[in-house]
Amino acid sequence: DNPHRFVVVDPMKYFTDQLTLVQKNVYSRGISLDRVDFRVASSEEAFEDASRELETFDFIFIDGNHKLRYV
């Protein structure tokens, strides 16, 4: 049994029904959806919520905005 929980933070506004498609992709790769905590929010909102709850994380991967002007 894998004790790790994965948290995904994304506003899910890139295309219609994005959350459902992402969940289907995760599930189709053999990852149980009960192991993934999808947080539909901006990074700022999610950080504020996690800070308020005193959450801790073992590893954080930041995959930022991919538009040229931000890179």
N, C-alpha and C. Protein backbone atom coordinates (compact mmCIF):
# COMPACT_ATOMS: atom_id res chain seq x y z
N ASP A 1 0.85 -1.19 0.00
CA ASP A 1 0.00 0.00 0.00
C ASP A 1 0.88 1.24 0.00
N ASN A 2 0.59 2.16 -0.89
CA ASN A 2 1.36 3.39 -1.02
C ASN A 2 0.79 4.44 -0.07
N PRO A 3 1.57 4.88 0.93
CA PRO A 3 1.05 5.84 1.89
C PRO A 3 1.03 7.28 1.38
N HIS A 4 1.57 7.51 0.20
CA HIS A 4 1.69 8.87 -0.30
C HIS A 4 0.37 9.40 -0.86
N ARG A 5 0.12 10.65 -0.59
CA ARG A 5 -1.05 11.36 -1.11
C ARG A 5 -0.53 12.46 -2.02
N PHE A 6 -1.13 12.59 -3.15
CA PHE A 6 -0.72 13.60 -4.11
C PHE A 6 -1.75 14.73 -4.14
N VAL A 7 -1.27 15.94 -4.05
CA VAL A 7 -2.14 17.12 -4.10
C VAL A 7 -1.90 17.81 -5.43
N VAL A 8 -2.97 18.04 -6.17
CA VAL A 8 -2.90 18.73 -7.44
C VAL A 8 -3.64 20.05 -7.29
N VAL A 9 -2.94 21.15 -7.56
CA VAL A 9 -3.55 22.48 -7.47
C VAL A 9 -3.61 23.07 -8.87
N ASP A 10 -4.80 23.40 -9.30
CA ASP A 10 -4.96 24.00 -10.63
C ASP A 10 -6.35 24.65 -10.68
N PRO A 11 -6.46 25.82 -11.30
CA PRO A 11 -7.78 26.44 -11.41
C PRO A 11 -8.72 25.71 -12.37
N MET A 12 -8.17 24.80 -13.17
CA MET A 12 -8.96 23.98 -14.10
C MET A 12 -9.86 24.84 -14.99
N LYS A 13 -9.28 25.91 -15.53
CA LYS A 13 -10.03 26.82 -16.40
C LYS A 13 -9.49 26.84 -17.82
N TYR A 14 -8.55 25.95 -18.12
CA TYR A 14 -7.92 25.99 -19.44
C TYR A 14 -8.88 25.56 -20.54
N PHE A 15 -9.71 24.54 -20.25
CA PHE A 15 -10.71 24.10 -21.22
C PHE A 15 -11.90 23.52 -20.47
N THR A 16 -13.01 23.40 -21.18
CA THR A 16 -14.25 22.91 -20.59
C THR A 16 -14.08 21.51 -20.01
N ASP A 17 -14.59 21.32 -18.81
CA ASP A 17 -14.60 20.02 -18.14
C ASP A 17 -13.19 19.45 -17.92
N GLN A 18 -12.24 20.34 -17.67
CA GLN A 18 -10.84 19.95 -17.50
C GLN A 18 -10.64 18.98 -16.34
N LEU A 19 -11.29 19.23 -15.21
CA LEU A 19 -11.10 18.36 -14.05
C LEU A 19 -11.50 16.92 -14.38
N THR A 20 -12.63 16.74 -15.03
CA THR A 20 -13.09 15.39 -15.38
C THR A 20 -12.08 14.69 -16.28
N LEU A 21 -11.57 15.40 -17.27
CA LEU A 21 -10.60 14.80 -18.19
C LEU A 21 -9.30 14.44 -17.46
N VAL A 22 -8.83 15.32 -16.60
CA VAL A 22 -7.61 15.04 -15.84
C VAL A 22 -7.83 13.81 -14.95
N GLN A 23 -8.96 13.73 -14.29
CA GLN A 23 -9.25 12.58 -13.44
C GLN A 23 -9.29 11.29 -14.26
N LYS A 24 -9.90 11.33 -15.43
CA LYS A 24 -9.94 10.15 -16.31
C LYS A 24 -8.52 9.73 -16.72
N ASN A 25 -7.68 10.71 -17.05
CA ASN A 25 -6.30 10.40 -17.44
C ASN A 25 -5.52 9.76 -16.29
N VAL A 26 -5.68 10.31 -15.10
CA VAL A 26 -5.00 9.76 -13.92
C VAL A 26 -5.46 8.32 -13.68
N TYR A 27 -6.77 8.12 -13.69
CA TYR A 27 -7.34 6.79 -13.44
C TYR A 27 -6.91 5.79 -14.51
N SER A 28 -6.86 6.23 -15.77
CA SER A 28 -6.49 5.32 -16.86
C SER A 28 -5.03 4.89 -16.77
N ARG A 29 -4.23 5.60 -15.98
CA ARG A 29 -2.82 5.23 -15.78
C ARG A 29 -2.64 4.35 -14.55
N GLY A 30 -3.76 3.91 -13.98
CA GLY A 30 -3.70 2.97 -12.86
C GLY A 30 -3.54 3.63 -11.50
N ILE A 31 -3.78 4.93 -11.43
CA ILE A 31 -3.67 5.64 -10.15
C ILE A 31 -5.07 5.81 -9.58
N SER A 32 -5.25 5.33 -8.38
CA SER A 32 -6.55 5.43 -7.72
C SER A 32 -6.85 6.90 -7.40
N LEU A 33 -8.05 7.34 -7.73
CA LEU A 33 -8.41 8.73 -7.49
C LEU A 33 -8.50 9.07 -6.01
N ASP A 34 -8.61 8.08 -5.15
CA ASP A 34 -8.63 8.38 -3.71
C ASP A 34 -7.24 8.71 -3.18
N ARG A 35 -6.22 8.55 -4.02
CA ARG A 35 -4.85 8.92 -3.64
C ARG A 35 -4.50 10.35 -4.07
N VAL A 36 -5.41 10.99 -4.82
CA VAL A 36 -5.13 12.31 -5.36
C VAL A 36 -6.14 13.31 -4.81
N ASP A 37 -5.62 14.39 -4.27
CA ASP A 37 -6.45 15.47 -3.73
C ASP A 37 -6.44 16.61 -4.75
N PHE A 38 -7.48 16.69 -5.55
CA PHE A 38 -7.58 17.74 -6.56
C PHE A 38 -8.14 18.99 -5.90
N ARG A 39 -7.36 20.06 -5.94
CA ARG A 39 -7.79 21.34 -5.36
C ARG A 39 -7.95 22.34 -6.49
N VAL A 40 -9.19 22.60 -6.83
CA VAL A 40 -9.49 23.53 -7.91
C VAL A 40 -9.40 24.93 -7.33
N ALA A 41 -8.24 25.54 -7.57
CA ALA A 41 -7.95 26.86 -6.99
C ALA A 41 -6.69 27.41 -7.64
N SER A 42 -6.48 28.69 -7.44
CA SER A 42 -5.21 29.27 -7.86
C SER A 42 -4.14 28.85 -6.86
N SER A 43 -2.88 28.98 -7.24
CA SER A 43 -1.79 28.65 -6.33
C SER A 43 -1.86 29.49 -5.07
N GLU A 44 -2.18 30.76 -5.24
CA GLU A 44 -2.28 31.66 -4.09
C GLU A 44 -3.38 31.22 -3.12
N GLU A 45 -4.54 30.89 -3.65
CA GLU A 45 -5.64 30.42 -2.81
C GLU A 45 -5.27 29.12 -2.09
N ALA A 46 -4.69 28.20 -2.83
CA ALA A 46 -4.32 26.91 -2.24
C ALA A 46 -3.26 27.07 -1.17
N PHE A 47 -2.30 27.96 -1.41
CA PHE A 47 -1.25 28.21 -0.41
C PHE A 47 -1.86 28.79 0.87
N GLU A 48 -2.75 29.75 0.72
CA GLU A 48 -3.40 30.34 1.89
C GLU A 48 -4.17 29.30 2.69
N ASP A 49 -4.91 28.44 2.00
CA ASP A 49 -5.67 27.38 2.68
C ASP A 49 -4.74 26.40 3.39
N ALA A 50 -3.68 25.97 2.71
CA ALA A 50 -2.74 25.02 3.31
C ALA A 50 -2.02 25.64 4.50
N SER A 51 -1.68 26.90 4.39
CA SER A 51 -1.02 27.60 5.50
C SER A 51 -1.93 27.69 6.71
N ARG A 52 -3.17 28.04 6.46
CA ARG A 52 -4.14 28.16 7.54
C ARG A 52 -4.34 26.82 8.27
N GLU A 53 -4.29 25.73 7.51
CA GLU A 53 -4.46 24.38 8.08
C GLU A 53 -3.15 23.78 8.59
N LEU A 54 -2.06 24.53 8.46
CA LEU A 54 -0.72 24.09 8.89
C LEU A 54 -0.31 22.78 8.21
N GLU A 55 -0.69 22.65 6.94
CA GLU A 55 -0.32 21.45 6.19
C GLU A 55 1.18 21.42 5.93
N THR A 56 1.72 20.24 5.85
CA THR A 56 3.12 20.06 5.47
C THR A 56 3.17 19.10 4.28
N PHE A 57 4.23 19.23 3.50
CA PHE A 57 4.40 18.41 2.31
C PHE A 57 5.83 17.90 2.27
N ASP A 58 6.02 16.68 1.79
CA ASP A 58 7.35 16.10 1.66
C ASP A 58 8.05 16.57 0.39
N PHE A 59 7.27 16.88 -0.63
CA PHE A 59 7.83 17.24 -1.91
C PHE A 59 6.83 18.16 -2.62
N ILE A 60 7.34 19.20 -3.25
CA ILE A 60 6.47 20.10 -4.02
C ILE A 60 7.09 20.28 -5.40
N PHE A 61 6.29 20.01 -6.42
CA PHE A 61 6.68 20.23 -7.81
C PHE A 61 5.84 21.38 -8.34
N ILE A 62 6.49 22.42 -8.80
CA ILE A 62 5.77 23.59 -9.31
C ILE A 62 5.90 23.61 -10.82
N ASP A 63 4.78 23.48 -11.48
CA ASP A 63 4.71 23.52 -12.94
C ASP A 63 3.94 24.78 -13.29
N GLY A 64 4.67 25.86 -13.53
CA GLY A 64 4.07 27.18 -13.64
C GLY A 64 3.43 27.49 -14.97
N ASN A 65 3.11 28.74 -15.14
CA ASN A 65 2.50 29.24 -16.35
C ASN A 65 3.45 28.99 -17.53
N HIS A 66 2.92 28.46 -18.61
CA HIS A 66 3.75 28.08 -19.76
C HIS A 66 3.78 29.13 -20.86
N LYS A 67 3.15 30.27 -20.64
CA LYS A 67 3.17 31.32 -21.65
C LYS A 67 4.56 31.96 -21.70
N LEU A 68 5.02 32.27 -22.88
CA LEU A 68 6.37 32.77 -23.09
C LEU A 68 6.71 33.96 -22.21
N ARG A 69 5.79 34.91 -22.08
CA ARG A 69 6.11 36.12 -21.31
C ARG A 69 6.37 35.82 -19.83
N TYR A 70 5.83 34.71 -19.30
CA TYR A 70 6.05 34.35 -17.91
C TYR A 70 7.30 33.50 -17.70
N VAL A 71 7.70 32.81 -18.75
CA VAL A 71 8.87 31.95 -18.66
C VAL A 71 10.12 32.79 -18.69
